[in-house]
Protein backbone atom coordinates (compact mmCIF):
# COMPACT_ATOMS: atom_id res chain seq x y z
CA MET A 1 -17.66 13.85 -19.13
CA VAL A 2 -20.01 14.77 -16.27
CA THR A 3 -23.46 14.63 -17.80
CA SER A 4 -25.47 16.51 -15.21
CA GLY A 5 -25.32 17.95 -11.74
CA GLN A 6 -23.21 20.75 -10.36
CA GLU A 7 -19.77 19.75 -9.12
CA SER A 8 -19.33 20.73 -5.48
CA GLY A 9 -16.07 18.92 -4.84
CA PRO A 10 -12.65 19.59 -6.33
CA GLY A 11 -12.34 19.72 -10.10
CA PRO A 12 -10.06 17.52 -12.18
CA PRO A 13 -6.44 18.04 -11.01
CA ARG A 14 -3.29 17.89 -13.08
CA PHE A 15 -2.52 14.20 -13.43
CA ALA A 16 1.16 14.36 -12.52
CA SER A 17 0.54 16.59 -9.49
CA ALA A 18 -2.23 14.32 -8.20
CA ALA A 19 -0.08 11.23 -8.79
CA LEU A 20 2.91 12.78 -7.02
CA ALA A 21 0.86 13.89 -4.01
CA THR A 22 -0.78 10.48 -3.74
CA TYR A 23 2.52 8.65 -4.16
CA GLY A 24 4.10 10.85 -1.50
CA THR A 25 1.24 10.02 0.82
CA ARG A 26 1.66 6.33 0.05
CA LEU A 27 5.34 6.50 0.92
CA ALA A 28 4.51 8.22 4.21
CA VAL A 29 1.89 5.55 4.88
CA ALA A 30 4.46 2.85 4.07
CA ALA A 31 6.99 4.37 6.48
CA LEU A 32 4.47 4.51 9.32
CA SER A 33 3.15 1.02 8.57
CA PHE A 34 6.66 -0.40 8.54
CA ALA A 35 7.44 1.35 11.79
CA SER A 36 4.39 -0.28 13.38
CA ILE A 37 5.32 -3.68 11.94
CA LEU A 38 8.87 -3.25 13.27
CA ILE A 39 7.64 -2.34 16.75
CA ILE A 40 5.26 -5.31 16.86
CA ALA A 41 7.84 -7.71 15.44
CA ARG A 42 10.57 -6.59 17.84
CA SER A 43 8.18 -6.67 20.83
CA LEU A 44 6.21 -9.84 20.11
CA GLY A 45 8.55 -11.86 17.87
CA PRO A 46 7.63 -13.81 14.71
CA GLU A 47 4.72 -15.64 16.39
CA GLY A 48 3.07 -12.52 17.77
CA ARG A 49 3.62 -10.65 14.53
CA GLY A 50 2.08 -13.63 12.71
CA GLU A 51 -1.06 -13.55 14.85
CA VAL A 52 -1.57 -9.83 14.22
CA ALA A 53 -0.97 -10.34 10.49
CA LEU A 54 -3.51 -13.18 10.35
CA LEU A 55 -6.19 -11.16 12.18
CA THR A 56 -5.75 -8.15 9.90
CA ALA A 57 -5.80 -10.47 6.88
CA ILE A 58 -9.09 -12.00 8.08
CA ALA A 59 -10.71 -8.58 8.55
CA THR A 60 -9.32 -7.07 5.35
CA LEU A 61 -10.01 -10.00 3.06
CA SER A 62 -13.49 -10.55 4.49
CA SER A 63 -14.41 -6.89 4.00
CA GLN A 64 -13.21 -6.99 0.41
CA LEU A 65 -15.29 -10.09 -0.20
CA ALA A 66 -18.29 -8.15 1.12
CA VAL A 67 -18.05 -5.03 -1.06
CA ILE A 68 -19.93 -6.77 -3.94
CA GLY A 69 -18.39 -4.37 -6.46
CA ILE A 70 -20.31 -1.34 -5.16
CA ASP A 71 -17.02 0.55 -4.80
CA GLU A 72 -16.26 0.10 -8.52
CA ALA A 73 -19.78 1.24 -9.38
CA ASN A 74 -19.44 4.27 -7.08
CA VAL A 75 -16.37 5.65 -8.81
CA ASN A 76 -17.80 5.16 -12.30
CA LEU A 77 -21.25 6.59 -11.49
CA ALA A 78 -19.85 9.47 -9.44
CA SER A 79 -17.39 10.37 -12.21
CA THR A 80 -20.05 10.72 -14.89
CA ASP A 81 -22.85 12.51 -13.00
CA ALA A 82 -22.29 14.62 -9.88
CA SER A 83 -26.02 14.74 -9.11
CA ARG A 84 -25.94 11.03 -8.24
CA ARG A 85 -23.43 11.38 -5.43
CA PRO A 86 -25.81 12.11 -2.50
CA ALA A 87 -27.87 9.00 -3.31
CA LEU A 88 -24.72 6.95 -3.87
CA ALA A 89 -23.44 8.05 -0.45
CA SER A 90 -26.62 6.98 1.34
CA ASN A 91 -26.83 3.77 -0.65
CA SER A 92 -23.27 3.05 0.47
CA ILE A 93 -24.28 3.10 4.13
CA VAL A 94 -27.17 0.73 3.47
CA PHE A 95 -25.03 -1.61 1.40
CA ALA A 96 -22.21 -1.61 3.99
CA ALA A 97 -24.60 -2.63 6.76
CA LEU A 98 -26.29 -5.25 4.58
CA PHE A 99 -23.29 -6.91 2.99
CA GLY A 100 -21.07 -6.50 6.06
CA GLY A 101 -23.72 -8.21 8.16
CA LEU A 102 -24.09 -11.01 5.62
CA ALA A 103 -20.33 -11.58 5.67
CA ILE A 104 -20.39 -11.96 9.44
CA ALA A 105 -23.37 -14.33 9.22
CA VAL A 106 -21.46 -16.53 6.76
CA LEU A 107 -18.11 -16.49 8.56
CA VAL A 108 -19.30 -17.23 12.11
CA PRO A 109 -20.44 -20.79 11.35
CA LEU A 110 -17.36 -21.35 9.18
CA PHE A 111 -15.08 -20.60 12.14
CA GLU A 112 -17.17 -22.94 14.28
CA LEU A 113 -17.08 -25.78 11.75
CA PHE A 114 -13.45 -25.30 10.71
CA PRO A 115 -11.56 -23.72 13.64
CA GLY A 116 -8.24 -24.33 11.86
CA ILE A 117 -8.86 -21.43 9.48
CA GLY A 118 -8.38 -19.08 12.41
CA GLY A 119 -4.84 -20.34 12.96
CA ASP A 120 -3.49 -19.78 16.47
CA THR A 121 -5.68 -16.71 17.17
CA SER A 122 -8.20 -16.63 20.01
CA ALA A 123 -11.96 -16.79 19.44
CA GLY A 124 -12.42 -13.35 21.03
CA LEU A 125 -10.02 -11.71 18.58
CA ARG A 126 -11.66 -13.45 15.65
CA TRP A 127 -15.00 -12.00 16.78
CA LEU A 128 -13.35 -8.56 16.92
CA ALA A 129 -12.10 -9.03 13.35
CA LEU A 130 -15.59 -9.92 12.15
CA ALA A 131 -17.18 -6.96 13.94
CA ALA A 132 -14.89 -4.60 12.00
CA ILE A 133 -16.13 -5.77 8.59
CA PRO A 134 -19.09 -3.35 8.02
CA GLY A 135 -16.96 -0.31 8.87
CA LEU A 136 -14.16 -1.43 6.55
CA VAL A 137 -16.70 -1.98 3.76
CA LEU A 138 -18.10 1.55 4.22
CA GLN A 139 -14.58 2.99 4.21
CA THR A 140 -13.94 1.37 0.82
CA TYR A 141 -17.26 2.58 -0.62
CA LEU A 142 -16.74 6.20 0.42
CA ASN A 143 -13.11 6.27 -0.71
CA PHE A 144 -14.12 5.26 -4.23
CA LEU A 145 -17.11 7.62 -4.24
CA ILE A 146 -14.92 10.59 -3.32
CA ARG A 147 -12.28 9.66 -5.89
CA GLY A 148 -15.03 9.73 -8.51
CA GLY A 149 -15.25 13.46 -7.78
CA PHE A 150 -11.45 13.88 -7.89
CA GLY A 151 -11.28 14.19 -4.09
CA PHE A 152 -7.76 12.79 -3.88
CA GLY A 153 -6.76 15.21 -1.13
CA ILE A 154 -9.14 13.91 1.53
CA THR A 155 -8.63 10.27 0.53
CA ASN A 156 -4.89 10.84 0.94
CA VAL A 157 -5.48 12.34 4.39
CA THR A 158 -7.57 9.38 5.55
CA TRP A 159 -5.11 6.98 3.93
CA PHE A 160 -2.42 8.56 6.14
CA LEU A 161 -4.58 8.80 9.26
CA SER A 162 -4.95 5.09 10.01
CA PRO A 163 -1.24 4.16 10.06
CA ALA A 164 -0.41 7.39 11.88
CA ILE A 165 -2.79 6.53 14.71
CA ALA A 166 -1.55 2.94 14.77
CA PHE A 167 2.10 4.04 14.88
CA VAL A 168 1.64 6.48 17.75
CA GLY A 169 -0.43 3.98 19.68
CA ASN A 170 2.03 1.13 19.16
CA VAL A 171 4.95 3.31 20.28
CA LEU A 172 3.14 4.32 23.47
CA MET A 173 2.06 0.75 24.23
CA ALA A 174 5.56 -0.61 23.60
CA LEU A 175 7.11 2.03 25.88
CA THR A 176 4.63 1.31 28.66
CA GLY A 177 4.89 -2.46 28.29
CA VAL A 178 1.25 -3.08 27.35
CA LEU A 179 1.74 -4.00 23.68
CA THR A 180 0.13 -7.38 23.04
CA VAL A 181 -1.54 -9.10 20.10
CA THR A 182 -4.90 -7.98 21.47
CA SER A 183 -3.96 -4.33 22.00
CA ALA A 184 -2.17 -4.07 18.62
CA PHE A 185 -5.14 -5.47 16.72
CA ALA A 186 -7.69 -3.39 18.65
CA LEU A 187 -5.65 -0.29 17.82
CA TRP A 188 -5.63 -1.25 14.12
CA ILE A 189 -9.42 -1.41 14.13
CA ALA A 190 -9.73 1.90 16.01
CA ALA A 191 -7.44 3.60 13.48
CA HIS A 192 -9.55 2.43 10.53
CA THR A 193 -12.72 3.47 12.34
CA ALA A 194 -11.32 6.99 12.72
CA ALA A 195 -10.58 7.13 8.98
CA THR A 196 -14.12 6.00 8.16
CA VAL A 197 -15.61 8.67 10.43
CA MET A 198 -13.56 11.34 8.66
CA LEU A 199 -14.80 10.16 5.25
CA VAL A 200 -18.40 10.28 6.48
CA TRP A 201 -17.82 13.83 7.74
CA TYR A 202 -16.30 14.92 4.43
CA VAL A 203 -19.15 13.52 2.35
CA GLY A 204 -21.71 15.14 4.65
CA ARG A 205 -20.08 18.55 5.02
CA ARG A 206 -17.74 19.14 2.08
CA LEU A 207 -19.11 17.05 -0.79
CA GLU A 208 -22.75 16.87 -1.91
CA GLY A 209 -23.88 15.25 1.35
CA PHE A 210 -26.14 12.27 1.98
CA GLY A 211 -29.39 12.19 0.05
CA LYS A 212 -32.37 9.91 -0.06
CA PRO A 213 -31.45 6.30 -0.89
CA ASP A 214 -32.23 5.57 -4.54
CA PHE A 215 -33.45 2.04 -5.29
CA THR A 216 -33.06 2.44 -9.05
CA LEU A 217 -29.48 3.68 -8.67
CA ALA A 218 -28.78 0.91 -6.17
CA ARG A 219 -29.95 -1.68 -8.66
CA ARG A 220 -27.75 -0.13 -11.34
CA ALA A 221 -24.77 -0.15 -8.97
CA LEU A 222 -25.42 -3.78 -8.10
CA SER A 223 -25.64 -4.70 -11.76
CA PHE A 224 -22.27 -3.10 -12.51
CA GLY A 225 -20.77 -4.32 -9.25
CA ALA A 226 -21.82 -7.91 -9.83
CA ARG A 227 -19.84 -7.96 -13.07
CA SER A 228 -16.71 -6.60 -11.40
CA HIS A 229 -17.04 -8.19 -7.98
CA LEU A 230 -15.80 -11.64 -8.84
CA GLY A 231 -12.61 -10.08 -10.16
CA ARG A 232 -12.34 -7.92 -7.05
CA VAL A 233 -12.85 -10.94 -4.79
CA MET A 234 -10.16 -12.84 -6.60
CA MET A 235 -7.73 -9.94 -6.55
CA SER A 236 -8.32 -9.51 -2.82
CA GLY A 237 -7.73 -13.23 -2.46
CA ASN A 238 -4.50 -12.88 -4.41
CA TYR A 239 -3.35 -10.11 -2.04
CA ARG A 240 -4.31 -11.66 1.30
CA ALA A 241 -5.34 -15.31 0.94
CA ASP A 242 -1.75 -16.50 0.84
CA GLN A 243 -1.15 -15.02 4.31
CA TRP A 244 -4.32 -16.64 5.60
CA PHE A 245 -3.21 -19.98 4.13
CA VAL A 246 0.30 -19.69 5.58
CA GLY A 247 -1.09 -18.86 9.03
CA ALA A 248 -3.65 -21.66 8.97
CA ILE A 249 -1.39 -24.33 7.43
CA ALA A 250 2.16 -23.48 8.53
CA GLY A 251 1.46 -21.61 11.79
CA SER A 252 1.89 -18.11 13.19
CA ARG A 253 5.70 -18.15 13.26
CA GLU A 254 5.97 -18.98 9.55
CA LEU A 255 3.38 -16.31 8.79
CA GLY A 256 5.35 -13.83 10.87
CA LEU A 257 8.36 -14.39 8.61
CA TYR A 258 6.36 -14.37 5.39
CA SER A 259 4.41 -11.23 6.37
CA ILE A 260 7.67 -9.28 6.65
CA ALA A 261 8.63 -10.30 3.10
CA VAL A 262 5.15 -9.38 1.87
CA ALA A 263 5.31 -5.99 3.59
CA TRP A 264 8.60 -5.13 1.88
CA SER A 265 7.49 -6.44 -1.52
CA GLU A 266 4.30 -4.38 -1.38
CA VAL A 267 6.43 -1.23 -1.47
CA LEU A 268 6.99 -2.07 -5.14
CA PHE A 269 3.22 -1.98 -5.73
CA TYR A 270 2.76 1.57 -4.44
CA LEU A 271 3.54 3.43 -7.64
CA PRO A 272 1.41 1.19 -9.91
CA THR A 273 -1.41 1.37 -7.37
CA VAL A 274 -1.24 5.15 -7.27
CA LEU A 275 -1.37 5.34 -11.06
CA VAL A 276 -4.49 3.13 -11.01
CA LEU A 277 -6.23 5.34 -8.43
CA ILE A 278 -5.45 8.60 -10.19
CA GLN A 279 -6.13 7.33 -13.72
CA ARG A 280 -9.55 5.86 -12.97
CA PRO A 281 -11.81 8.96 -13.25
CA PHE A 282 -9.82 10.13 -16.29
CA LEU A 283 -10.26 6.75 -17.98
CA VAL A 284 -13.99 6.70 -17.26
CA ARG A 285 -14.42 10.03 -19.05
CA ALA A 286 -12.15 9.17 -22.00
CA ASP A 287 -13.15 7.59 -25.31
CA ARG A 288 -11.67 4.20 -26.22
CA GLU A 289 -8.66 5.62 -28.02
CA GLY A 290 -7.89 8.07 -25.23
CA ALA A 291 -8.25 5.36 -22.60
CA ARG A 292 -5.95 3.04 -24.54
CA ARG A 293 -3.22 5.67 -24.86
CA ARG A 294 -3.45 6.78 -21.22
CA ALA A 295 -3.49 3.23 -19.83
CA ALA A 296 -0.58 2.11 -22.03
CA LYS A 297 1.49 5.10 -20.96
CA GLY A 298 0.67 4.41 -17.31
CA PHE A 299 1.73 0.79 -17.72
CA ARG A 300 5.06 1.78 -19.28
CA ALA A 301 5.65 4.30 -16.49
CA GLY A 302 4.88 1.69 -13.86
CA VAL A 303 7.34 -0.78 -15.35
CA LEU A 304 10.15 1.73 -15.82
CA LEU A 305 9.87 3.34 -12.40
CA THR A 306 9.44 0.05 -10.54
CA ALA A 307 12.36 -1.83 -12.14
CA PRO A 308 15.12 -0.11 -10.09
CA LEU A 309 13.17 -0.81 -6.88
CA VAL A 310 12.94 -4.49 -7.78
CA LEU A 311 16.71 -4.70 -8.25
CA GLY A 312 17.37 -2.85 -5.00
CA ALA A 313 15.00 -5.03 -2.97
CA PHE A 314 16.57 -8.22 -4.36
CA VAL A 315 20.13 -7.12 -3.58
CA PHE A 316 19.42 -5.67 -0.14
CA ALA A 317 16.96 -8.34 1.04
CA PRO A 318 19.26 -9.53 3.88
CA PHE A 319 19.57 -5.99 5.19
CA LEU A 320 15.83 -5.32 4.91
CA CYS A 321 14.85 -8.49 6.77
CA THR A 322 17.59 -9.38 9.25
CA THR A 323 19.37 -6.09 9.96
CA ILE A 324 16.17 -4.08 10.38
CA PHE A 325 13.89 -6.71 11.93
CA GLY A 326 16.51 -8.87 13.63
CA PRO A 327 18.16 -12.26 13.07
CA GLU A 328 14.92 -14.04 14.02
CA PHE A 329 13.56 -12.93 10.63
CA ALA A 330 16.37 -14.34 8.47
CA GLY A 331 13.86 -16.81 7.05
CA ALA A 332 12.11 -13.95 5.27
CA VAL A 333 15.06 -13.17 2.95
CA ASP A 334 14.39 -15.85 0.34
CA ASP A 335 10.64 -15.15 0.50
CA LEU A 336 11.28 -11.48 -0.30
CA ARG A 337 13.59 -12.23 -3.23
CA ILE A 338 11.03 -14.56 -4.77
CA LEU A 339 8.22 -12.02 -4.31
CA VAL A 340 9.97 -9.03 -5.87
CA ILE A 341 10.90 -10.70 -9.15
CA GLY A 342 7.25 -11.23 -10.05
CA VAL A 343 5.95 -7.70 -9.60
CA PHE A 344 5.57 -6.92 -13.31
CA GLY A 345 2.70 -9.36 -13.78
CA LEU A 346 0.81 -7.53 -11.06
CA ILE A 347 1.45 -4.18 -12.74
CA ALA A 348 -0.17 -5.48 -15.94
CA LEU A 349 -3.08 -6.97 -14.03
CA GLN A 350 -3.72 -3.80 -12.05
CA GLN A 351 -3.29 -1.11 -14.66
CA LEU A 352 -4.69 -2.77 -17.77
CA GLY A 353 -7.53 -4.36 -15.83
CA ASN A 354 -8.34 -0.92 -14.41
CA ALA A 355 -8.65 0.46 -17.95
CA LEU A 356 -11.04 -2.32 -18.99
CA THR A 357 -13.25 -1.73 -15.93
CA ALA A 358 -13.24 2.05 -16.45
CA GLN A 359 -14.39 1.51 -20.03
CA GLY A 360 -17.36 -0.57 -18.88
CA ARG A 361 -15.84 -4.04 -19.38
CA PRO A 362 -15.32 -5.28 -15.79
CA GLY A 363 -16.11 -8.86 -16.80
CA LEU A 364 -12.92 -9.03 -18.87
CA TRP A 365 -10.81 -7.89 -15.95
CA THR A 366 -12.55 -10.60 -13.93
CA ILE A 367 -11.27 -13.22 -16.38
CA ALA A 368 -7.67 -12.15 -15.78
CA ALA A 369 -8.21 -11.98 -12.02
CA ALA A 370 -9.86 -15.42 -12.07
CA CYS A 371 -6.86 -16.98 -13.79
CA THR A 372 -4.61 -15.44 -11.14
CA PHE A 373 -6.81 -16.55 -8.27
CA VAL A 374 -7.19 -20.17 -9.41
CA ALA A 375 -3.44 -20.44 -9.90
CA THR A 376 -2.76 -18.83 -6.50
CA VAL A 377 -5.06 -21.12 -4.53
CA THR A 378 -3.99 -24.28 -6.39
CA LEU A 379 -0.29 -23.59 -5.99
CA ASP A 380 -0.67 -22.39 -2.37
CA LEU A 381 -2.34 -25.64 -1.35
CA ALA A 382 0.30 -27.62 -3.22
CA LEU A 383 3.39 -25.75 -1.99
CA ILE A 384 2.71 -24.26 1.47
CA PRO A 385 2.52 -27.59 3.39
CA ASP A 386 6.08 -28.52 2.32
CA PHE A 387 7.73 -25.13 1.76
CA GLY A 388 5.86 -22.69 4.01
CA GLY A 389 6.31 -19.03 3.12
CA ALA A 390 8.68 -19.77 0.23
CA GLY A 391 5.99 -21.94 -1.35
CA ALA A 392 3.45 -19.14 -0.99
CA ALA A 393 5.89 -16.69 -2.59
CA VAL A 394 6.49 -18.96 -5.60
CA ALA A 395 2.76 -19.56 -5.98
CA SER A 396 1.98 -15.85 -5.88
CA ARG A 397 4.55 -14.85 -8.49
CA ILE A 398 3.60 -17.60 -10.97
CA ALA A 399 -0.05 -16.69 -10.59
CA TYR A 400 0.56 -12.97 -11.19
CA ALA A 401 2.65 -13.70 -14.28
CA LEU A 402 -0.25 -15.72 -15.69
CA GLY A 403 -2.86 -13.11 -14.79
CA GLY A 404 -0.75 -10.27 -16.18
CA ALA A 405 -0.35 -12.08 -19.51
CA VAL A 406 -4.12 -12.60 -19.75
CA ALA A 407 -4.75 -8.92 -18.92
CA ILE A 408 -2.39 -7.82 -21.70
CA VAL A 409 -4.13 -10.01 -24.28
CA LEU A 410 -7.61 -8.79 -23.29
CA PHE A 411 -6.53 -5.14 -23.19
CA LEU A 412 -5.10 -5.31 -26.71
CA ARG A 413 -8.12 -7.18 -28.10
CA VAL A 414 -10.71 -4.79 -26.64
CA LEU A 415 -9.05 -1.36 -26.70
CA GLY A 416 -6.84 -2.04 -29.69
CA GLY A 417 -3.36 -0.87 -30.54
CA PRO A 418 -0.14 -2.80 -31.10
CA ALA A 419 1.56 -4.78 -28.36
CA SER A 420 4.59 -2.52 -28.83
CA ALA A 421 2.58 0.28 -27.17
CA LEU A 422 3.19 -1.49 -23.86
CA ILE A 423 6.97 -1.69 -24.27
CA PRO A 424 8.88 1.12 -22.49
CA ARG A 425 10.51 3.50 -24.92
CA PRO A 426 13.98 5.07 -24.92
CA GLY A 427 13.86 8.54 -23.49
CA GLU A 428 10.72 8.02 -21.41
CA VAL A 429 12.71 7.93 -18.20
CA ARG A 430 13.91 11.48 -18.87
CA GLU A 431 10.36 12.51 -19.73
CA TYR A 432 8.98 11.09 -16.47
CA VAL A 433 11.73 12.73 -14.44
CA ARG A 434 11.00 16.14 -16.02
CA THR A 435 7.27 15.69 -15.45
CA LEU A 436 7.82 14.77 -11.81
CA LEU A 437 10.10 17.75 -11.27
CA ARG A 438 7.46 20.10 -12.69
CA ALA A 439 4.84 18.47 -10.47
CA VAL A 440 7.10 18.88 -7.43
CA ARG A 441 7.40 22.60 -8.13
CA ARG A 442 3.60 22.91 -8.43
CA VAL A 443 2.97 20.96 -5.23
CA GLY A 444 5.62 22.95 -3.43
């Protein structure tokens, strides 16, 4: 529980209501994101879409490499003591400038020494991607800090804001004939900057505000973050490195096809991701037994509610790729079918790893993430040169299956309970439907 300090943000919400509102937001975000992807793909073709995807992958992955686990520390420390939040907020600004700047300093010479890692993108756009890193790092820090105080409402708003701005801008640019790789990527950065500014405003005006930076608290955050960061780096690599590899090795056109399959497959991750975000502050405050029960139930819910989506995506893959995006994207169909069948390993890795981190064992989650990352990189390098996007898809799914299995073993060893607790039970579907209907009535 919160040990000291007066809560000035929202109190703990009902879990189902918070999950439903966040999931609804995620679906709205997905719709807007897909609309933007569709506009770019239809306007610029697979090659142009591939260049935009590679630039966003460079900026996103680099910023996640630069967070150094401070985001994970923010949510844990903010959940247990509200009085720490002003110092955590100010520390976040300092850390974002420091680690974002270090990331740029490391990546600039890498691009000079190995220009191939930038694929077919121009040097100017790569510089733009690097310049966005500190702001993206700060956005991540403040999102996790606010969630530690149960501020899911504002994080949902900012989550929605970026794709909304990007969608409107892409529509206007497409209609006026000025949509290019450069304008699309610049708009993406501007949209994320707007979201970051809103989070800064919320912390300053609606939460506890920005206090004096606290060196002792910063050192504590770094200590916790260092234990979780390697896992975070590897998970970020699992999410985005394959696209970077495809773009650098197989070219922008192949990445354009693969990125469409990835975009559709990521729809299946939305519900498990939402459960992770909402569960985190509850798991931090729970004892081991309570955390085990809550995490196991969340895992079962994620599996049960995702399974029908997996089947639908597999069956309707031709419609999703070629009918919606056009016959030029027919090469994405097999990639999508491979990607969707491996989603359950990711659910285990996300949800059970989240429980271990919330209970102060981030190093164990790192082990599972490390197994996934090593398998991803090894298989990507082995398969992408000959099989392109399909090779990346196979590599990703095998790696997630391995990482998910490791996460299950570690979860059961540390938090206890029988393995059967992770197996979906008869009747739970009806229970989840009733719970969601009650939550819909409350939200409405």
